[in-house]
Amino acid sequence: MEIQGEYKVLGDGISELKFKFGSGYRIYYTERDDVIVLLLCAGDKKTQSKDIKLAKEYLNDYLEGENHG
């Protein structure tokens, strides 16, 4: 998948996309079959740690719901 901006895989199924403007805006997302399937949350450099933790919680909630139909 080609994404514009700096991105990195953070682990636990979560990736971060960092935009090169503003105060270090970032979005956190997960992929399936090379397609972004869920935008988990967004923030900036100041809230990065909190946002990553929240993204992991949201992804776990999503996966639990998917597994329990």
PDB file of N, CA and C in Angstrom:
ATOM      1  N   MET A   1       0.846  -1.166   0.000  1.00  0.00           N
ATOM      2  CA  MET A   1       0.000   0.000   0.000  1.00  0.00           C
ATOM      3  C   MET A   1       0.892   1.230   0.000  1.00  0.00           C
ATOM      4  N   GLU A   2       0.543   2.222  -0.788  1.00  0.00           N
ATOM      5  CA  GLU A   2       1.314   3.462  -0.817  1.00  0.00           C
ATOM      6  C   GLU A   2       0.566   4.540  -0.049  1.00  0.00           C
ATOM      7  N   ILE A   3       1.209   5.077   0.968  1.00  0.00           N
ATOM      8  CA  ILE A   3       0.621   6.112   1.809  1.00  0.00           C
ATOM      9  C   ILE A   3       1.507   7.344   1.734  1.00  0.00           C
ATOM     10  N   GLN A   4       0.904   8.519   1.600  1.00  0.00           N
ATOM     11  CA  GLN A   4       1.657   9.769   1.549  1.00  0.00           C
ATOM     12  C   GLN A   4       1.976  10.236   2.963  1.00  0.00           C
ATOM     13  N   GLY A   5       3.246  10.505   3.231  1.00  0.00           N
ATOM     14  CA  GLY A   5       3.690  10.935   4.554  1.00  0.00           C
ATOM     15  C   GLY A   5       4.626   9.900   5.137  1.00  0.00           C
ATOM     16  N   GLU A   6       5.122  10.182   6.308  1.00  0.00           N
ATOM     17  CA  GLU A   6       5.988   9.231   7.002  1.00  0.00           C
ATOM     18  C   GLU A   6       5.113   8.264   7.778  1.00  0.00           C
ATOM     19  N   TYR A   7       5.375   6.995   7.605  1.00  0.00           N
ATOM     20  CA  TYR A   7       4.613   6.037   8.392  1.00  0.00           C
ATOM     21  C   TYR A   7       5.542   4.986   8.961  1.00  0.00           C
ATOM     22  N   LYS A   8       5.083   4.381  10.052  1.00  0.00           N
ATOM     23  CA  LYS A   8       5.830   3.261  10.613  1.00  0.00           C
ATOM     24  C   LYS A   8       4.867   2.317  11.299  1.00  0.00           C
ATOM     25  N   VAL A   9       5.255   1.060  11.320  1.00  0.00           N
ATOM     26  CA  VAL A   9       4.495   0.035  12.010  1.00  0.00           C
ATOM     27  C   VAL A   9       4.895   0.090  13.476  1.00  0.00           C
ATOM     28  N   LEU A  10       3.907   0.227  14.356  1.00  0.00           N
ATOM     29  CA  LEU A  10       4.179   0.329  15.786  1.00  0.00           C
ATOM     30  C   LEU A  10       4.107  -1.018  16.482  1.00  0.00           C
ATOM     31  N   GLY A  11       3.502  -1.999  15.831  1.00  0.00           N
ATOM     32  CA  GLY A  11       3.327  -3.308  16.436  1.00  0.00           C
ATOM     33  C   GLY A  11       1.898  -3.495  16.904  1.00  0.00           C
ATOM     34  N   ASP A  12       1.561  -4.711  17.275  1.00  0.00           N
ATOM     35  CA  ASP A  12       0.213  -5.052  17.731  1.00  0.00           C
ATOM     36  C   ASP A  12      -0.850  -4.697  16.698  1.00  0.00           C
ATOM     37  N   GLY A  13      -0.483  -4.710  15.401  1.00  0.00           N
ATOM     38  CA  GLY A  13      -1.440  -4.442  14.340  1.00  0.00           C
ATOM     39  C   GLY A  13      -1.702  -2.975  14.060  1.00  0.00           C
ATOM     40  N   ILE A  14      -0.946  -2.085  14.684  1.00  0.00           N
ATOM     41  CA  ILE A  14      -1.185  -0.647  14.554  1.00  0.00           C
ATOM     42  C   ILE A  14      -0.029   0.024  13.833  1.00  0.00           C
ATOM     43  N   SER A  15      -0.388   0.940  12.928  1.00  0.00           N
ATOM     44  CA  SER A  15       0.597   1.759  12.229  1.00  0.00           C
ATOM     45  C   SER A  15       0.286   3.228  12.467  1.00  0.00           C
ATOM     46  N   GLU A  16       1.324   4.057  12.309  1.00  0.00           N
ATOM     47  CA  GLU A  16       1.200   5.498  12.520  1.00  0.00           C
ATOM     48  C   GLU A  16       1.562   6.222  11.230  1.00  0.00           C
ATOM     49  N   LEU A  17       0.742   7.177  10.831  1.00  0.00           N
ATOM     50  CA  LEU A  17       1.035   8.040   9.692  1.00  0.00           C
ATOM     51  C   LEU A  17       1.238   9.444  10.229  1.00  0.00           C
ATOM     52  N   LYS A  18       2.425  10.005   9.964  1.00  0.00           N
ATOM     53  CA  LYS A  18       2.785  11.340  10.458  1.00  0.00           C
ATOM     54  C   LYS A  18       2.804  12.310   9.287  1.00  0.00           C
ATOM     55  N   PHE A  19       2.083  13.405   9.458  1.00  0.00           N
ATOM     56  CA  PHE A  19       2.023  14.439   8.426  1.00  0.00           C
ATOM     57  C   PHE A  19       3.095  15.480   8.681  1.00  0.00           C
ATOM     58  N   LYS A  20       3.628  16.060   7.616  1.00  0.00           N
ATOM     59  CA  LYS A  20       4.729  17.017   7.725  1.00  0.00           C
ATOM     60  C   LYS A  20       4.222  18.452   7.739  1.00  0.00           C
ATOM     61  N   PHE A  21       3.209  18.715   8.542  1.00  0.00           N
ATOM     62  CA  PHE A  21       2.721  20.079   8.720  1.00  0.00           C
ATOM     63  C   PHE A  21       2.063  20.170  10.095  1.00  0.00           C
ATOM     64  N   GLY A  22       1.824  21.371  10.538  1.00  0.00           N
ATOM     65  CA  GLY A  22       1.179  21.550  11.833  1.00  0.00           C
ATOM     66  C   GLY A  22       2.082  21.130  12.974  1.00  0.00           C
ATOM     67  N   SER A  23       1.466  20.666  14.027  1.00  0.00           N
ATOM     68  CA  SER A  23       2.220  20.316  15.235  1.00  0.00           C
ATOM     69  C   SER A  23       2.498  18.819  15.323  1.00  0.00           C
ATOM     70  N   GLY A  24       2.882  18.227  14.204  1.00  0.00           N
ATOM     71  CA  GLY A  24       3.213  16.802  14.201  1.00  0.00           C
ATOM     72  C   GLY A  24       1.980  15.917  14.236  1.00  0.00           C
ATOM     73  N   TYR A  25       0.998  16.222  13.389  1.00  0.00           N
ATOM     74  CA  TYR A  25      -0.242  15.449  13.362  1.00  0.00           C
ATOM     75  C   TYR A  25       0.032  14.008  12.968  1.00  0.00           C
ATOM     76  N   ARG A  26      -0.695  13.095  13.631  1.00  0.00           N
ATOM     77  CA  ARG A  26      -0.540  11.671  13.379  1.00  0.00           C
ATOM     78  C   ARG A  26      -1.910  11.008  13.366  1.00  0.00           C
ATOM     79  N   ILE A  27      -2.036   9.956  12.553  1.00  0.00           N
ATOM     80  CA  ILE A  27      -3.212   9.099  12.648  1.00  0.00           C
ATOM     81  C   ILE A  27      -2.726   7.677  12.897  1.00  0.00           C
ATOM     82  N   TYR A  28      -3.557   6.921  13.565  1.00  0.00           N
ATOM     83  CA  TYR A  28      -3.244   5.535  13.903  1.00  0.00           C
ATOM     84  C   TYR A  28      -4.301   4.654  13.260  1.00  0.00           C
ATOM     85  N   TYR A  29      -3.843   3.601  12.583  1.00  0.00           N
ATOM     86  CA  TYR A  29      -4.750   2.782  11.788  1.00  0.00           C
ATOM     87  C   TYR A  29      -4.282   1.343  11.783  1.00  0.00           C
ATOM     88  N   THR A  30      -5.138   0.466  11.283  1.00  0.00           N
ATOM     89  CA  THR A  30      -4.789  -0.925  11.087  1.00  0.00           C
ATOM     90  C   THR A  30      -5.122  -1.306   9.650  1.00  0.00           C
ATOM     91  N   GLU A  31      -4.501  -2.356   9.154  1.00  0.00           N
ATOM     92  CA  GLU A  31      -4.670  -2.801   7.768  1.00  0.00           C
ATOM     93  C   GLU A  31      -5.106  -4.256   7.722  1.00  0.00           C
ATOM     94  N   ARG A  32      -5.799  -4.594   6.634  1.00  0.00           N
ATOM     95  CA  ARG A  32      -6.097  -5.983   6.299  1.00  0.00           C
ATOM     96  C   ARG A  32      -5.929  -6.121   4.802  1.00  0.00           C
ATOM     97  N   ASP A  33      -5.158  -7.083   4.378  1.00  0.00           N
ATOM     98  CA  ASP A  33      -4.931  -7.335   2.948  1.00  0.00           C
ATOM     99  C   ASP A  33      -4.509  -6.064   2.215  1.00  0.00           C
ATOM    100  N   ASP A  34      -3.562  -5.321   2.795  1.00  0.00           N
ATOM    101  CA  ASP A  34      -2.993  -4.104   2.209  1.00  0.00           C
ATOM    102  C   ASP A  34      -4.005  -2.977   2.002  1.00  0.00           C
ATOM    103  N   VAL A  35      -5.060  -2.967   2.787  1.00  0.00           N
ATOM    104  CA  VAL A  35      -6.058  -1.904   2.729  1.00  0.00           C
ATOM    105  C   VAL A  35      -6.277  -1.381   4.145  1.00  0.00           C
ATOM    106  N   ILE A  36      -6.314  -0.048   4.300  1.00  0.00           N
ATOM    107  CA  ILE A  36      -6.642   0.509   5.612  1.00  0.00           C
ATOM    108  C   ILE A  36      -8.096   0.173   5.887  1.00  0.00           C
ATOM    109  N   VAL A  37      -8.335  -0.551   6.957  1.00  0.00           N
ATOM    110  CA  VAL A  37      -9.702  -0.952   7.252  1.00  0.00           C
ATOM    111  C   VAL A  37     -10.304  -0.197   8.423  1.00  0.00           C
ATOM    112  N   LEU A  38      -9.468   0.431   9.230  1.00  0.00           N
ATOM    113  CA  LEU A  38     -10.019   1.087  10.404  1.00  0.00           C
ATOM    114  C   LEU A  38      -9.104   2.208  10.859  1.00  0.00           C
ATOM    115  N   LEU A  39      -9.618   3.419  10.818  1.00  0.00           N
ATOM    116  CA  LEU A  39      -8.919   4.557  11.391  1.00  0.00           C
ATOM    117  C   LEU A  39      -9.237   4.544  12.872  1.00  0.00           C
ATOM    118  N   LEU A  40      -8.210   4.380  13.711  1.00  0.00           N
ATOM    119  CA  LEU A  40      -8.433   4.173  15.136  1.00  0.00           C
ATOM    120  C   LEU A  40      -8.537   5.471  15.914  1.00  0.00           C
ATOM    121  N   CYS A  41      -7.632   6.398  15.686  1.00  0.00           N
ATOM    122  CA  CYS A  41      -7.680   7.703  16.344  1.00  0.00           C
ATOM    123  C   CYS A  41      -6.595   8.583  15.752  1.00  0.00           C
ATOM    124  N   ALA A  42      -6.568   9.827  16.174  1.00  0.00           N
ATOM    125  CA  ALA A  42      -5.596  10.784  15.659  1.00  0.00           C
ATOM    126  C   ALA A  42      -5.212  11.759  16.760  1.00  0.00           C
ATOM    127  N   GLY A  43      -4.094  12.430  16.567  1.00  0.00           N
ATOM    128  CA  GLY A  43      -3.638  13.414  17.540  1.00  0.00           C
ATOM    129  C   GLY A  43      -2.389  14.098  17.031  1.00  0.00           C
ATOM    130  N   ASP A  44      -1.632  14.673  17.949  1.00  0.00           N
ATOM    131  CA  ASP A  44      -0.378  15.313  17.574  1.00  0.00           C
ATOM    132  C   ASP A  44       0.730  14.818  18.496  1.00  0.00           C
ATOM    133  N   LYS A  45       1.898  15.401  18.368  1.00  0.00           N
ATOM    134  CA  LYS A  45       3.060  14.937  19.133  1.00  0.00           C
ATOM    135  C   LYS A  45       2.793  14.971  20.635  1.00  0.00           C
ATOM    136  N   LYS A  46       2.064  15.989  21.095  1.00  0.00           N
ATOM    137  CA  LYS A  46       1.809  16.132  22.535  1.00  0.00           C
ATOM    138  C   LYS A  46       0.983  14.980  23.099  1.00  0.00           C
ATOM    139  N   THR A  47       0.107  14.409  22.292  1.00  0.00           N
ATOM    140  CA  THR A  47      -0.783  13.355  22.785  1.00  0.00           C
ATOM    141  C   THR A  47      -0.410  11.972  22.252  1.00  0.00           C
ATOM    142  N   GLN A  48       0.773  11.837  21.684  1.00  0.00           N
ATOM    143  CA  GLN A  48       1.177  10.612  20.993  1.00  0.00           C
ATOM    144  C   GLN A  48       1.060   9.362  21.866  1.00  0.00           C
ATOM    145  N   SER A  49       1.623   9.374  23.059  1.00  0.00           N
ATOM    146  CA  SER A  49       1.588   8.178  23.915  1.00  0.00           C
ATOM    147  C   SER A  49       0.164   7.781  24.260  1.00  0.00           C
ATOM    148  N   LYS A  50      -0.645   8.765  24.626  1.00  0.00           N
ATOM    149  CA  LYS A  50      -2.043   8.503  24.966  1.00  0.00           C
ATOM    150  C   LYS A  50      -2.801   7.981  23.749  1.00  0.00           C
ATOM    151  N   ASP A  51      -2.541   8.558  22.583  1.00  0.00           N
ATOM    152  CA  ASP A  51      -3.236   8.156  21.360  1.00  0.00           C
ATOM    153  C   ASP A  51      -2.887   6.726  20.953  1.00  0.00           C
ATOM    154  N   ILE A  52      -1.635   6.338  21.106  1.00  0.00           N
ATOM    155  CA  ILE A  52      -1.229   4.965  20.767  1.00  0.00           C
ATOM    156  C   ILE A  52      -1.926   3.972  21.689  1.00  0.00           C
ATOM    157  N   LYS A  53      -1.965   4.277  22.966  1.00  0.00           N
ATOM    158  CA  LYS A  53      -2.652   3.403  23.924  1.00  0.00           C
ATOM    159  C   LYS A  53      -4.130   3.278  23.564  1.00  0.00           C
ATOM    160  N   LEU A  54      -4.759   4.392  23.243  1.00  0.00           N
ATOM    161  CA  LEU A  54      -6.167   4.396  22.866  1.00  0.00           C
ATOM    162  C   LEU A  54      -6.399   3.610  21.577  1.00  0.00           C
ATOM    163  N   ALA A  55      -5.516   3.760  20.600  1.00  0.00           N
ATOM    164  CA  ALA A  55      -5.633   3.020  19.341  1.00  0.00           C
ATOM    165  C   ALA A  55      -5.578   1.517  19.595  1.00  0.00           C
ATOM    166  N   LYS A  56      -4.690   1.086  20.483  1.00  0.00           N
ATOM    167  CA  LYS A  56      -4.596  -0.343  20.819  1.00  0.00           C
ATOM    168  C   LYS A  56      -5.879  -0.834  21.462  1.00  0.00           C
ATOM    169  N   GLU A  57      -6.453  -0.034  22.365  1.00  0.00           N
ATOM    170  CA  GLU A  57      -7.715  -0.411  23.003  1.00  0.00           C
ATOM    171  C   GLU A  57      -8.835  -0.518  21.968  1.00  0.00           C
ATOM    172  N   TYR A  58      -8.923   0.460  21.060  1.00  0.00           N
ATOM    173  CA  TYR A  58      -9.964   0.440  20.027  1.00  0.00           C
ATOM    174  C   TYR A  58      -9.811  -0.766  19.111  1.00  0.00           C
ATOM    175  N   LEU A  59      -8.576  -1.082  18.739  1.00  0.00           N
ATOM    176  CA  LEU A  59      -8.354  -2.231  17.868  1.00  0.00           C
ATOM    177  C   LEU A  59      -8.753  -3.521  18.574  1.00  0.00           C
ATOM    178  N   ASN A  60      -8.382  -3.669  19.833  1.00  0.00           N
ATOM    179  CA  ASN A  60      -8.770  -4.867  20.582  1.00  0.00           C
ATOM    180  C   ASN A  60     -10.287  -4.994  20.673  1.00  0.00           C
ATOM    181  N   ASP A  61     -10.981  -3.888  20.941  1.00  0.00           N
ATOM    182  CA  ASP A  61     -12.446  -3.907  20.986  1.00  0.00           C
ATOM    183  C   ASP A  61     -13.020  -4.340  19.640  1.00  0.00           C
ATOM    184  N   TYR A  62     -12.469  -3.798  18.560  1.00  0.00           N
ATOM    185  CA  TYR A  62     -12.926  -4.136  17.211  1.00  0.00           C
ATOM    186  C   TYR A  62     -12.731  -5.628  16.933  1.00  0.00           C
ATOM    187  N   LEU A  63     -11.548  -6.136  17.249  1.00  0.00           N
ATOM    188  CA  LEU A  63     -11.247  -7.540  16.973  1.00  0.00           C
ATOM    189  C   LEU A  63     -12.104  -8.468  17.819  1.00  0.00           C
ATOM    190  N   GLU A  64     -12.369  -8.108  19.058  1.00  0.00           N
ATOM    191  CA  GLU A  64     -13.240  -8.927  19.906  1.00  0.00           C
ATOM    192  C   GLU A  64     -14.646  -8.985  19.328  1.00  0.00           C
ATOM    193  N   GLY A  65     -15.154  -7.865  18.852  1.00  0.00           N
ATOM    194  CA  GLY A  65     -16.485  -7.834  18.239  1.00  0.00           C
ATOM    195  C   GLY A  65     -16.537  -8.644  16.960  1.00  0.00           C
ATOM    196  N   GLU A  66     -15.468  -8.571  16.179  1.00  0.00           N
ATOM    197  CA  GLU A  66     -15.394  -9.318  14.925  1.00  0.00           C
ATOM    198  C   GLU A  66     -15.398 -10.816  15.198  1.00  0.00           C
ATOM    199  N   ASN A  67     -14.741 -11.229  16.263  1.00  0.00           N
ATOM    200  CA  ASN A  67     -14.651 -12.650  16.599  1.00  0.00           C
ATOM    201  C   ASN A  67     -15.922 -13.184  17.253  1.00  0.00           C
ATOM    202  N   HIS A  68     -16.769 -12.287  17.747  1.00  0.00           N
ATOM    203  CA  HIS A  68     -17.993 -12.717  18.420  1.00  0.00           C
ATOM    204  C   HIS A  68     -19.243 -12.379  17.621  1.00  0.00           C
ATOM    205  N   GLY A  69     -19.025 -12.003  16.355  1.00  0.00           N
ATOM    206  CA  GLY A  69     -20.044 -11.801  15.378  1.00  0.00           C
ATOM    207  C   GLY A  69     -21.173 -10.929  15.655  1.00  0.00           C
TER     208      GLY A  69
END
